[in-house]
Protein backbone atom coordinates (compact mmCIF):
# COMPACT_ATOMS: atom_id res chain seq x y z
CA MET A 1 -103.04 171.26 -73.67
CA THR A 2 -101.99 171.39 -77.28
CA ASP A 3 -100.89 168.36 -79.24
CA GLU A 4 -97.35 169.73 -79.34
CA SER A 5 -97.29 170.13 -75.55
CA ARG A 6 -98.73 166.66 -75.11
CA LYS A 7 -95.98 165.16 -77.31
CA ILE A 8 -93.29 166.96 -75.34
CA LEU A 9 -94.77 165.72 -72.03
CA VAL A 10 -94.90 162.13 -73.32
CA LEU A 11 -91.27 162.34 -74.43
CA VAL A 12 -90.19 163.67 -71.04
CA ILE A 13 -92.09 160.89 -69.21
CA ASP A 14 -90.69 158.24 -71.56
CA GLY A 15 -87.20 159.59 -71.10
CA TYR A 16 -87.55 159.58 -67.32
CA LEU A 17 -88.91 156.03 -67.34
CA PHE A 18 -86.04 154.92 -69.59
CA TYR A 19 -83.57 156.46 -67.16
CA ILE A 20 -85.17 154.60 -64.24
CA TYR A 21 -85.19 151.30 -66.15
CA PHE A 22 -81.55 151.82 -67.13
CA GLN A 23 -80.48 152.50 -63.53
CA ILE A 24 -82.33 149.40 -62.36
CA TYR A 25 -80.57 147.40 -65.09
CA LEU A 26 -77.17 148.74 -64.05
CA PHE A 27 -77.92 148.01 -60.40
CA PHE A 28 -78.78 144.40 -61.08
CA LEU A 29 -75.87 144.01 -63.49
CA ALA A 30 -73.43 145.34 -60.89
CA ASP A 31 -75.03 143.22 -58.19
CA TYR A 32 -74.87 140.04 -60.25
CA GLY A 33 -71.37 140.96 -61.38
CA PHE A 34 -70.27 141.24 -57.79
CA ILE A 35 -71.93 137.94 -56.97
CA LEU A 36 -70.26 136.29 -59.97
CA TYR A 37 -66.87 137.69 -58.94
CA THR A 38 -67.33 136.49 -55.37
CA VAL A 39 -68.34 133.01 -56.51
CA LEU A 40 -65.39 132.86 -58.91
CA ILE A 41 -62.89 133.84 -56.20
CA MET A 42 -64.33 131.32 -53.76
CA LEU A 43 -64.22 128.67 -56.48
CA VAL A 44 -60.53 129.38 -57.12
CA ARG A 45 -59.76 129.08 -53.39
CA ILE A 46 -61.66 125.81 -53.14
CA ILE A 47 -59.86 124.44 -56.22
CA LEU A 48 -56.51 125.35 -54.64
CA LEU A 49 -57.45 123.50 -51.46
CA ILE A 50 -58.78 120.45 -53.32
CA ALA A 51 -55.58 120.24 -55.41
CA PHE A 52 -53.49 120.60 -52.26
CA PHE A 53 -55.40 117.89 -50.40
CA ALA A 54 -55.42 115.55 -53.41
CA GLY A 55 -51.64 115.83 -53.62
CA MET A 56 -51.28 114.87 -49.96
CA VAL A 57 -53.48 111.80 -50.42
CA ALA A 58 -51.59 110.73 -53.57
CA VAL A 59 -48.26 110.91 -51.74
CA GLY A 60 -49.64 108.76 -48.93
CA LEU A 61 -50.75 106.10 -51.41
CA TYR A 62 -47.41 106.27 -53.25
CA SER A 63 -45.37 105.86 -50.04
CA ARG A 64 -47.13 102.74 -48.72
CA ARG A 65 -44.41 100.40 -49.93
CA LYS A 66 -41.81 102.29 -47.87
CA SER A 67 -43.70 101.77 -44.60
CA SER A 68 -44.02 98.00 -44.54
CA ASP A 69 -41.70 97.59 -41.52
CA VAL A 70 -40.93 99.59 -38.38
CA ASP A 71 -37.68 101.05 -39.70
CA GLY A 72 -39.40 102.16 -42.89
CA PHE A 73 -42.42 103.62 -41.10
CA VAL A 74 -40.38 105.57 -38.53
CA LEU A 75 -37.25 106.53 -40.51
CA GLY A 76 -37.93 105.76 -44.16
CA GLY A 77 -35.30 103.02 -44.09
CA ARG A 78 -32.61 105.60 -43.24
CA SER A 79 -32.30 106.34 -46.96
CA VAL A 80 -33.76 109.84 -47.29
CA GLY A 81 -31.94 112.16 -49.69
CA PRO A 82 -30.66 115.71 -49.08
CA TRP A 83 -33.52 117.79 -50.47
CA LEU A 84 -36.22 115.78 -48.75
CA SER A 85 -34.28 115.81 -45.46
CA ALA A 86 -33.65 119.55 -45.63
CA PHE A 87 -37.25 120.45 -46.45
CA ALA A 88 -38.54 118.03 -43.80
CA TYR A 89 -36.33 119.77 -41.24
CA GLY A 90 -37.43 123.24 -42.32
CA THR A 91 -41.14 122.55 -42.56
CA SER A 92 -41.14 120.80 -39.17
CA TYR A 93 -39.36 123.88 -37.78
CA PHE A 94 -41.72 126.56 -39.09
CA SER A 95 -45.49 126.25 -38.80
CA ALA A 96 -48.48 128.54 -38.33
CA VAL A 97 -47.08 129.11 -34.83
CA VAL A 98 -44.21 131.06 -36.37
CA PHE A 99 -46.05 132.68 -39.28
CA VAL A 100 -49.10 133.82 -37.31
CA GLY A 101 -48.19 133.71 -33.62
CA TYR A 102 -44.50 134.51 -33.25
CA ALA A 103 -44.21 136.84 -36.25
CA GLY A 104 -47.20 138.84 -35.05
CA GLN A 105 -46.23 139.05 -31.39
CA PHE A 106 -42.54 139.75 -31.74
CA GLY A 107 -42.94 141.95 -34.80
CA TRP A 108 -45.27 144.12 -32.72
CA LYS A 109 -42.90 144.18 -29.73
CA TYR A 110 -39.56 144.62 -31.48
CA GLY A 111 -40.40 146.03 -34.92
CA LEU A 112 -38.01 145.23 -37.78
CA SER A 113 -35.36 144.00 -35.33
CA SER A 114 -37.52 140.86 -34.97
CA THR A 115 -35.91 139.83 -38.28
CA TRP A 116 -32.90 138.85 -36.14
CA ILE A 117 -35.02 135.96 -34.85
CA GLY A 118 -35.31 134.60 -38.38
CA ILE A 119 -31.58 135.10 -38.97
CA GLY A 120 -30.83 133.29 -35.70
CA ASN A 121 -33.12 130.45 -36.78
CA ALA A 122 -31.21 130.14 -40.06
CA VAL A 123 -27.68 130.36 -38.62
CA ILE A 124 -28.04 128.62 -35.25
CA GLY A 125 -31.18 126.55 -35.69
CA SER A 126 -30.36 125.27 -39.18
CA LEU A 127 -26.77 125.84 -40.33
CA LEU A 128 -24.92 125.08 -37.08
CA ALA A 129 -27.35 122.30 -36.13
CA TRP A 130 -26.60 120.47 -39.37
CA VAL A 131 -22.86 121.12 -39.16
CA PHE A 132 -22.41 119.96 -35.56
CA MET A 133 -25.11 117.31 -35.28
CA GLY A 134 -26.02 116.01 -38.74
CA ARG A 135 -23.28 113.48 -39.40
CA ARG A 136 -22.59 112.48 -35.78
CA THR A 137 -26.28 111.90 -35.04
CA ARG A 138 -26.67 109.70 -38.13
CA VAL A 139 -23.55 107.66 -37.35
CA MET A 140 -24.20 107.08 -33.64
CA THR A 141 -27.94 106.41 -33.86
CA HIS A 142 -27.34 103.95 -36.70
CA HIS A 143 -24.60 102.23 -34.66
CA LEU A 144 -26.87 102.02 -31.60
CA ASP A 145 -29.89 101.11 -33.75
CA ALA A 146 -31.77 103.94 -32.03
CA LYS A 147 -34.98 104.97 -33.80
CA THR A 148 -36.13 107.75 -31.44
CA MET A 149 -34.57 110.25 -29.05
CA PRO A 150 -35.61 108.33 -25.90
CA ASP A 151 -34.18 105.19 -27.50
CA TYR A 152 -30.91 107.07 -27.98
CA PHE A 153 -30.82 108.06 -24.29
CA GLY A 154 -31.53 104.49 -23.20
CA LYS A 155 -28.77 102.95 -25.33
CA ARG A 156 -26.20 105.75 -25.16
CA TYR A 157 -26.36 105.92 -21.34
CA ASP A 158 -27.27 102.25 -20.79
CA SER A 159 -30.39 103.09 -18.81
CA LYS A 160 -33.91 101.79 -19.42
CA ALA A 161 -35.22 104.26 -16.81
CA LEU A 162 -33.85 107.23 -18.77
CA LYS A 163 -35.55 105.91 -21.88
CA LEU A 164 -38.94 105.60 -20.16
CA VAL A 165 -38.76 109.03 -18.53
CA ALA A 166 -37.66 110.64 -21.79
CA SER A 167 -40.62 109.05 -23.62
CA ALA A 168 -42.97 110.40 -20.93
CA ILE A 169 -41.53 113.91 -21.35
CA VAL A 170 -42.01 113.70 -25.12
CA PHE A 171 -45.59 112.48 -24.71
CA VAL A 172 -46.60 115.22 -22.27
CA PHE A 173 -44.90 118.24 -23.81
CA LEU A 174 -45.48 117.59 -27.50
CA ILE A 175 -49.25 117.78 -26.96
CA PRO A 176 -49.43 121.55 -26.26
CA TYR A 177 -47.20 122.22 -29.25
CA THR A 178 -49.41 120.02 -31.44
CA ALA A 179 -52.49 121.96 -30.33
CA SER A 180 -50.81 125.29 -31.03
CA VAL A 181 -50.23 124.28 -34.66
CA TYR A 182 -53.98 124.47 -35.33
CA THR A 183 -54.52 127.74 -33.53
CA GLY A 184 -52.89 129.88 -36.18
CA LEU A 185 -55.50 128.76 -38.72
CA SER A 186 -58.56 130.10 -36.91
CA LYS A 187 -58.74 133.73 -38.02
CA LEU A 188 -57.23 133.10 -41.43
CA PHE A 189 -59.91 130.59 -42.38
CA GLY A 190 -62.67 132.70 -40.94
CA MET A 191 -61.40 135.63 -43.01
CA ALA A 192 -60.87 133.70 -46.27
CA PHE A 193 -63.90 131.39 -46.28
CA ASN A 194 -66.24 132.81 -43.66
CA ILE A 195 -66.60 129.36 -42.08
CA ASP A 196 -65.94 128.00 -38.63
CA TYR A 197 -62.30 126.99 -38.48
CA LYS A 198 -63.28 123.79 -36.66
CA TRP A 199 -64.21 122.33 -40.03
CA CYS A 200 -60.74 123.21 -41.29
CA VAL A 201 -59.17 121.57 -38.22
CA LEU A 202 -61.14 118.39 -38.87
CA ALA A 203 -60.22 118.30 -42.56
CA MET A 204 -56.57 118.96 -41.80
CA ALA A 205 -56.52 116.28 -39.09
CA VAL A 206 -58.19 113.63 -41.28
CA LEU A 207 -55.88 114.23 -44.23
CA THR A 208 -52.74 114.30 -42.08
CA ALA A 209 -53.78 111.05 -40.40
CA PHE A 210 -54.47 109.48 -43.79
CA TYR A 211 -51.08 110.07 -45.37
CA VAL A 212 -49.05 109.49 -42.19
CA ILE A 213 -50.84 106.19 -41.47
CA LEU A 214 -50.41 105.01 -45.06
CA GLY A 215 -46.89 106.19 -45.84
CA GLY A 216 -45.20 106.88 -42.50
CA TYR A 217 -41.98 108.89 -42.53
CA MET A 218 -41.49 108.77 -46.29
CA ALA A 219 -44.96 110.18 -46.97
CA THR A 220 -44.23 112.89 -44.42
CA VAL A 221 -40.95 114.02 -45.98
CA ILE A 222 -42.29 113.96 -49.55
CA ASN A 223 -45.29 116.05 -48.53
CA ASP A 224 -42.94 118.30 -46.56
CA PHE A 225 -41.01 118.94 -49.77
CA ILE A 226 -44.19 119.92 -51.65
CA GLN A 227 -45.44 122.02 -48.75
CA GLY A 228 -42.03 123.65 -48.39
CA ILE A 229 -42.08 124.87 -52.00
CA ILE A 230 -45.52 126.38 -51.39
CA MET A 231 -44.19 128.11 -48.27
CA LEU A 232 -41.20 129.58 -50.13
CA ILE A 233 -43.31 130.97 -52.96
CA GLY A 234 -46.11 132.11 -50.67
CA ILE A 235 -44.00 134.09 -48.21
CA CYS A 236 -42.28 136.00 -51.03
CA CYS A 237 -45.63 136.89 -52.62
CA VAL A 238 -47.11 137.99 -49.30
CA ILE A 239 -44.18 140.26 -48.38
CA GLY A 240 -44.24 141.90 -51.81
CA ALA A 241 -48.01 142.48 -51.70
CA VAL A 242 -48.06 143.84 -48.13
CA LEU A 243 -45.21 146.29 -48.73
CA ASN A 244 -46.72 147.36 -52.04
CA GLY A 245 -49.93 148.18 -50.20
CA GLN A 246 -47.92 150.55 -47.99
CA GLY A 247 -46.33 152.33 -50.94
CA GLY A 248 -43.19 150.18 -51.09
CA PHE A 249 -40.44 149.26 -48.64
CA LEU A 250 -39.03 152.77 -48.10
CA SER A 251 -42.47 154.26 -47.56
CA ALA A 252 -43.40 151.50 -45.08
CA LEU A 253 -40.08 151.97 -43.27
CA LYS A 254 -40.68 155.72 -43.00
CA LYS A 255 -44.16 155.17 -41.52
CA LEU A 256 -42.74 152.66 -39.04
CA SER A 257 -40.02 155.09 -37.95
CA GLU A 258 -42.66 157.66 -37.00
CA ILE A 259 -44.33 155.38 -34.44
CA PRO A 260 -43.23 156.15 -30.84
CA CYS A 261 -42.40 153.43 -28.31
CA ASP A 262 -45.19 152.76 -25.83
CA ALA A 263 -44.77 152.02 -22.13
CA ALA A 264 -46.24 148.53 -22.32
CA ASN A 265 -43.67 147.00 -24.63
CA THR A 266 -40.35 148.80 -24.21
CA VAL A 267 -37.65 149.54 -21.70
CA PRO A 268 -38.35 152.73 -19.69
CA ALA A 269 -35.42 154.67 -21.14
CA LEU A 270 -36.95 154.44 -24.63
CA GLN A 271 -40.56 155.29 -23.84
CA GLY A 272 -42.01 157.74 -26.34
CA MET A 273 -38.91 157.68 -28.56
CA ASN A 274 -39.57 157.58 -32.30
CA GLY A 275 -37.73 155.28 -34.70
CA THR A 276 -36.93 152.35 -32.39
CA PHE A 277 -39.29 149.98 -34.23
CA SER A 278 -37.32 150.52 -37.43
CA SER A 279 -33.91 150.39 -35.73
CA PHE A 280 -31.19 147.72 -35.94
CA PHE A 281 -31.67 146.15 -32.48
CA GLY A 282 -35.14 147.46 -31.67
CA PRO A 283 -36.55 148.71 -28.37
CA ASP A 284 -35.65 145.70 -26.16
CA PRO A 285 -32.49 143.82 -27.30
CA LEU A 286 -32.18 141.67 -24.14
CA ASN A 287 -35.60 140.05 -24.39
CA LEU A 288 -35.12 139.77 -28.14
CA LEU A 289 -32.00 137.71 -27.44
CA GLY A 290 -34.07 135.34 -25.27
CA VAL A 291 -36.45 134.71 -28.16
CA ILE A 292 -33.53 134.06 -30.52
CA VAL A 293 -32.01 131.53 -28.09
CA LEU A 294 -35.26 129.62 -27.56
CA THR A 295 -36.34 129.48 -31.20
CA SER A 296 -32.84 128.80 -32.59
CA LEU A 297 -30.92 126.68 -30.09
CA GLY A 298 -34.09 124.82 -29.12
CA THR A 299 -34.11 122.79 -32.35
CA TRP A 300 -30.94 121.02 -31.20
CA GLY A 301 -32.93 119.26 -28.47
CA LEU A 302 -36.36 118.74 -30.02
CA PRO A 303 -37.08 115.07 -30.88
CA GLN A 304 -39.13 115.87 -34.00
CA MET A 305 -36.21 117.92 -35.36
CA VAL A 306 -33.22 115.79 -34.39
CA GLN A 307 -34.92 112.67 -35.73
CA LYS A 308 -34.49 114.07 -39.25
CA PHE A 309 -30.75 113.42 -38.88
CA TYR A 310 -31.38 109.73 -38.07
CA ALA A 311 -32.72 109.12 -41.57
CA ILE A 312 -30.05 110.90 -43.67
CA LYS A 313 -28.80 108.76 -46.53
CA SER A 314 -25.19 109.81 -47.11
CA GLU A 315 -22.44 112.38 -46.64
CA LYS A 316 -23.66 114.21 -49.74
CA ALA A 317 -27.09 114.43 -48.16
CA VAL A 318 -25.57 116.05 -45.07
CA LYS A 319 -23.68 118.69 -47.05
CA THR A 320 -26.49 119.51 -49.47
CA GLY A 321 -29.06 119.39 -46.69
CA THR A 322 -27.08 121.93 -44.68
CA VAL A 323 -27.17 124.47 -47.52
CA VAL A 324 -30.80 123.87 -48.51
CA SER A 325 -32.08 123.91 -44.93
CA THR A 326 -30.27 127.17 -44.18
CA PHE A 327 -31.63 128.82 -47.33
CA PHE A 328 -35.14 127.65 -46.47
CA ALA A 329 -34.88 129.11 -42.97
CA ILE A 330 -33.60 132.46 -44.24
CA VAL A 331 -36.53 132.83 -46.64
CA VAL A 332 -39.35 131.44 -44.49
CA ALA A 333 -38.31 132.46 -40.97
CA GLY A 334 -36.53 135.64 -41.98
CA GLY A 335 -39.44 136.58 -44.25
CA SER A 336 -42.07 135.86 -41.59
CA TYR A 337 -40.42 137.97 -38.89
CA PHE A 338 -39.57 140.71 -41.40
CA LEU A 339 -43.25 140.82 -42.37
CA GLY A 340 -44.32 140.86 -38.72
CA GLY A 341 -42.01 143.82 -38.10
CA PHE A 342 -44.47 146.04 -40.02
CA GLY A 343 -47.41 144.91 -37.89
CA ARG A 344 -47.89 148.28 -36.18
CA LEU A 345 -48.75 149.85 -39.51
CA PHE A 346 -51.94 147.78 -39.47
CA ASP A 347 -53.13 148.73 -36.01
CA ASN A 348 -56.94 148.77 -35.85
CA PRO A 349 -59.70 148.00 -33.30
CA SER A 350 -60.05 144.38 -34.48
CA ILE A 351 -56.67 143.39 -32.99
CA HIS A 352 -57.46 144.79 -29.55
CA GLY A 353 -59.40 143.02 -26.81
CA ALA A 354 -62.11 144.49 -24.59
CA ALA A 355 -59.54 146.04 -22.25
CA GLY A 356 -57.55 147.48 -25.16
CA LYS A 357 -54.86 144.80 -24.92
CA VAL A 358 -53.29 143.74 -28.22
CA LEU A 359 -54.39 140.31 -29.47
CA TYR A 360 -51.11 139.20 -30.99
CA ASP A 361 -52.61 136.29 -32.93
CA GLY A 362 -54.80 138.74 -34.84
CA ILE A 363 -51.98 140.98 -36.15
CA ILE A 364 -50.88 138.89 -39.15
CA PRO A 365 -54.47 138.05 -40.20
CA SER A 366 -55.23 141.78 -40.04
CA MET A 367 -52.28 142.47 -42.34
CA LEU A 368 -53.34 139.73 -44.74
CA SER A 369 -56.93 140.97 -44.94
CA THR A 370 -55.65 143.78 -47.19
CA LEU A 371 -54.30 141.33 -49.79
CA PRO A 372 -55.96 140.66 -53.16
CA ASP A 373 -58.49 137.82 -53.04
CA ILE A 374 -56.47 135.34 -55.12
CA LEU A 375 -53.34 135.95 -53.05
CA LEU A 376 -55.31 135.41 -49.88
CA GLY A 377 -56.18 131.93 -51.16
CA ILE A 378 -52.46 131.25 -51.66
CA VAL A 379 -51.78 132.43 -48.11
CA VAL A 380 -54.33 129.99 -46.72
CA VAL A 381 -52.62 127.13 -48.56
CA LEU A 382 -49.26 128.44 -47.29
CA VAL A 383 -50.40 128.33 -43.65
CA LEU A 384 -52.05 124.94 -44.20
CA SER A 385 -48.77 123.65 -45.63
CA ALA A 386 -46.79 124.94 -42.68
CA SER A 387 -49.26 123.50 -40.18
CA MET A 388 -49.75 120.07 -41.77
CA SER A 389 -46.02 119.49 -42.21
CA THR A 390 -45.35 120.25 -38.55
CA LEU A 391 -48.39 118.29 -37.37
CA SER A 392 -47.36 115.16 -39.29
CA SER A 393 -43.86 115.32 -37.83
CA LEU A 394 -45.17 115.76 -34.29
CA VAL A 395 -47.71 112.94 -34.37
CA LEU A 396 -45.25 110.53 -36.01
CA THR A 397 -42.64 111.36 -33.36
CA SER A 398 -45.16 110.97 -30.53
CA SER A 399 -46.64 107.68 -31.75
CA SER A 400 -43.28 106.05 -32.50
CA THR A 401 -41.86 107.15 -29.15
CA LEU A 402 -44.80 105.88 -27.12
CA THR A 403 -44.93 102.58 -29.03
CA LEU A 404 -41.24 101.71 -29.26
CA ASP A 405 -39.90 103.28 -26.08
CA PHE A 406 -42.74 102.62 -23.67
CA LEU A 407 -45.27 100.00 -24.76
CA LYS A 408 -42.96 97.57 -26.56
CA ASP A 409 -40.04 98.04 -24.20
CA SER A 410 -41.95 97.76 -20.93
CA ILE A 411 -45.44 96.28 -21.34
CA PHE A 412 -45.70 94.24 -24.56
CA LYS A 413 -42.13 93.05 -24.87
CA LYS A 414 -42.95 90.31 -27.39
CA MET A 415 -44.92 92.54 -29.72
CA SER A 416 -44.41 91.44 -33.33
CA GLU A 417 -43.30 93.74 -36.15
CA LYS A 418 -46.79 93.68 -37.65
CA ASN A 419 -48.50 94.50 -34.35
CA THR A 420 -45.99 97.25 -33.65
CA LEU A 421 -46.93 98.94 -36.93
CA VAL A 422 -50.64 98.59 -36.10
CA VAL A 423 -50.16 100.16 -32.66
CA MET A 424 -48.13 103.07 -34.08
CA ARG A 425 -50.84 103.77 -36.65
CA LEU A 426 -53.54 103.67 -33.98
CA LEU A 427 -51.53 106.07 -31.84
CA VAL A 428 -51.22 108.47 -34.79
CA VAL A 429 -55.02 108.63 -34.75
CA PHE A 430 -55.04 109.04 -30.96
CA PHE A 431 -52.58 111.95 -30.95
CA ILE A 432 -54.44 113.72 -33.75
CA LEU A 433 -57.74 113.32 -31.88
CA VAL A 434 -56.23 114.78 -28.71
CA SER A 435 -54.76 117.72 -30.62
CA VAL A 436 -58.13 118.35 -32.32
CA LEU A 437 -59.95 118.44 -28.98
CA LEU A 438 -57.40 120.92 -27.64
CA ALA A 439 -57.64 123.00 -30.81
CA PHE A 440 -61.41 123.34 -30.39
CA ASN A 441 -60.77 125.25 -27.16
CA PRO A 442 -57.43 126.92 -27.94
CA PRO A 443 -55.45 128.86 -25.31
CA THR A 444 -55.06 132.62 -25.65
CA PHE A 445 -51.60 132.94 -27.18
CA ILE A 446 -49.83 130.59 -29.56
CA ALA A 447 -46.40 131.76 -28.43
CA GLN A 448 -47.00 130.71 -24.82
CA LEU A 449 -47.87 127.15 -25.83
CA MET A 450 -44.81 126.84 -28.04
CA GLY A 451 -42.56 128.40 -25.39
CA ILE A 452 -43.69 125.90 -22.74
CA SER A 453 -43.29 122.92 -25.07
CA TRP A 454 -39.93 123.92 -26.50
CA GLY A 455 -38.60 125.02 -23.11
CA ALA A 456 -39.35 121.70 -21.42
CA LEU A 457 -38.25 119.43 -24.28
CA ALA A 458 -35.08 121.29 -25.32
CA GLY A 459 -34.26 122.21 -21.71
CA ALA A 460 -34.31 118.54 -20.76
CA PHE A 461 -32.82 116.94 -23.89
CA LEU A 462 -30.47 119.39 -25.63
CA ALA A 463 -27.44 119.15 -23.34
CA PRO A 464 -27.33 115.36 -22.74
CA PHE A 465 -28.01 114.64 -26.41
CA LEU A 466 -25.39 117.07 -27.72
CA TYR A 467 -22.68 116.25 -25.18
CA GLY A 468 -23.43 112.55 -25.66
CA LEU A 469 -22.42 112.79 -29.31
CA PHE A 470 -19.00 114.32 -28.56
CA TRP A 471 -17.93 113.59 -24.98
CA LYS A 472 -17.35 110.17 -23.45
CA LYS A 473 -17.46 111.39 -19.85
CA VAL A 474 -21.11 112.38 -19.61
CA SER A 475 -22.61 110.55 -16.62
CA LYS A 476 -26.10 109.17 -16.06
CA ALA A 477 -26.53 111.49 -13.09
CA ALA A 478 -25.87 114.47 -15.36
CA VAL A 479 -28.62 113.33 -17.74
CA TRP A 480 -31.06 112.98 -14.84
CA ALA A 481 -30.08 116.44 -13.61
CA SER A 482 -30.75 117.93 -17.05
CA PHE A 483 -34.15 116.23 -17.27
CA ALA A 484 -35.11 117.47 -13.82
CA PHE A 485 -33.90 121.02 -14.40
CA GLY A 486 -35.47 121.49 -17.84
CA VAL A 487 -38.87 120.05 -16.98
CA GLY A 488 -38.87 121.37 -13.41
CA LEU A 489 -38.07 124.96 -14.35
CA THR A 490 -40.60 125.06 -17.19
CA ALA A 491 -43.42 123.34 -15.28
CA SER A 492 -43.00 125.34 -12.07
CA ASN A 493 -42.87 128.60 -14.01
CA ILE A 494 -46.35 127.88 -15.42
CA PHE A 495 -47.78 128.21 -11.89
CA PHE A 496 -45.41 130.57 -10.08
CA LYS A 497 -44.27 132.77 -13.00
CA PHE A 498 -40.95 133.74 -11.41
CA ILE A 499 -39.76 134.28 -15.00
CA LYS A 500 -42.44 136.45 -16.58
CA SER A 501 -42.03 135.23 -20.16
CA PRO A 502 -42.28 131.49 -20.95
CA ILE A 503 -40.00 132.25 -23.88
CA ASN A 504 -37.21 133.49 -21.61
CA CYS A 505 -37.88 130.63 -19.22
CA GLY A 506 -37.31 128.14 -22.03
CA ALA A 507 -34.09 129.89 -23.01
CA TRP A 508 -32.80 129.69 -19.41
CA ALA A 509 -33.75 126.00 -19.24
CA MET A 510 -31.57 125.26 -22.28
CA ILE A 511 -28.62 127.37 -21.14
CA GLY A 512 -28.85 125.90 -17.65
CA GLY A 513 -28.73 122.36 -19.05
CA LEU A 514 -25.59 123.14 -21.04
CA ILE A 515 -23.92 124.23 -17.79
CA ILE A 516 -25.32 121.54 -15.50
CA VAL A 517 -24.41 118.48 -17.58
CA PRO A 518 -20.61 119.00 -17.66
CA LEU A 519 -20.50 120.14 -14.02
CA VAL A 520 -22.46 117.15 -12.72
CA SER A 521 -20.50 114.78 -14.98
CA LEU A 522 -17.23 115.92 -13.40
CA ILE A 523 -18.34 115.05 -9.84
CA THR A 524 -20.41 111.89 -10.41
CA PRO A 525 -19.41 108.31 -11.35
CA LYS A 526 -18.57 107.75 -15.00
CA MET A 527 -20.02 105.04 -17.21
CA ASP A 528 -18.14 101.81 -17.87
CA GLY A 529 -15.12 102.64 -20.03
CA ALA A 530 -15.39 99.55 -22.24
CA LYS A 531 -19.04 100.25 -23.07
CA ILE A 532 -18.32 103.86 -23.88
CA ASP A 533 -15.42 102.89 -26.13
CA SER A 534 -17.65 100.42 -27.99
CA ILE A 535 -20.21 103.19 -28.56
CA PHE A 536 -17.71 105.77 -29.81
CA LYS A 537 -15.83 103.34 -32.06
CA CYS A 538 -18.51 103.98 -34.68
CA TYR A 539 -16.79 107.28 -35.51
CA ASP A 540 -13.53 105.48 -36.27
CA GLU A 541 -14.94 102.87 -38.62
CA SER A 542 -13.04 103.17 -41.88
CA VAL A 543 -14.73 104.21 -45.09
CA THR A 544 -12.58 106.33 -47.37
CA VAL A 545 -11.74 108.35 -44.28
CA THR A 546 -13.11 107.94 -40.75
CA LYS A 547 -16.78 108.58 -40.17
CA ARG A 548 -15.74 111.46 -37.98
CA PHE A 549 -15.24 113.34 -41.27
CA TYR A 550 -17.24 111.50 -43.91
CA LEU A 551 -20.45 109.47 -44.05
CA LYS A 552 -20.55 106.90 -46.84
CA GLU A 553 -23.70 106.12 -48.77
CA GLU A 554 -25.14 102.79 -47.71
CA GLU A 555 -27.17 100.55 -49.99
CA LYS A 556 -30.47 99.19 -48.69
CA GLU A 557 -32.29 96.29 -50.28
CA ASN A 558 -35.95 96.97 -51.04
């Protein structure tokens, strides 16, 4: 081999070795770059969570001075302003149950027409609830010095037995709803952090207990306001990102219109027809109406919702709260169901069980898995916000009801103010522990839990509470009949399933109560006329005009 040939061979070998070294360098650079990116994204998500949790703790510490007595701990001294009241109402209304469970299930079943559920929530569940019940509830409960819904029943209908039974109904049927609040977090946290969601449940439970125990109702409503802002921003970002991933709204709508109805989820006449999932009323308007009734009218009879009206500060708070609460519901509920309406565009094997059945609770997480990493972190905080706000409202309602309406009224009648506060705080811990244990072994579908809880509570309470605010002739027997019908129908349907959907069962329980109460009241003995007149005179107390039309702002000494 000549020297020239040897030089050429050396150059070739050196060049080849350089190429190999360069490829190895690029490989490690790309690998470390990916690792660095992954660590950075995870760090951003963790920082978001730490900031969120730190804010909750700070609010709890700030609100301690407002929870030094029973009235302050349970109702914030009845001096809560319009924005806090409105956001507290909205965030207690919409949780992970709606965003993950209901939006996924009903978006899959009804397509874009599921948006009507969100519109119904805004108009019936928020706007009309505030208009018809806001002022009257505040005036009468303040006049009766009623701090809870069972307390209202006991004093409005002059019956200790009604109060005790109502508190038992609240205790039993708020537990499944409380457990369902956690369930929507499971797949989202597994997807975002690759950790067991049980650790998230524990963290969420501890932090909620901390700020509720420290600050009571005031800490709850302030945190609800912060969490509500996160929910408003988050849902708008999510909708925009999901639709953008499908090529925009019109492109997503076109794809949805090409999906045929399937036999499992539609009425027979529409089987195989294209376009129903993008239509105005969807493939099954009748069952859709049942969902609208349960999720919208149900708020009128839920203790954790109605109690927000007890604490309203003034007439201005009622009017402003009505507008703000309705806007909040349109954005959050309407946005959630609108998003869920595109769920069929994200059909994949991960949302189907072993038998091919759709796992409704996996639809929204499947949609969100396509989001950019940073936005996914915002979504996790959004769902945490929705869940913690609802959880705090539920445990505060449960603990105050059990303490004031059962223990203090029947067993420890001479319980001091200080001891009452201690017992309520201990029961907050108890209810959170029970909900955590249930969340560790969650039932199959979120919507079923919520349907059972809302059906029993609103079926029993809605009619006697609502009629009791307006009509003097409601009888005790009618209230008992409503309790029996609402709870009886919902509980028996769990075992016998004569109404296939627990959602529709809950809707029938509410409608039935609205019919039963006036009918039974007409044929049963009325309450003492003098007592009723003394209760209803609160509406005629003079301010600038009667309280029937205007609620004055009342000063409270701190």
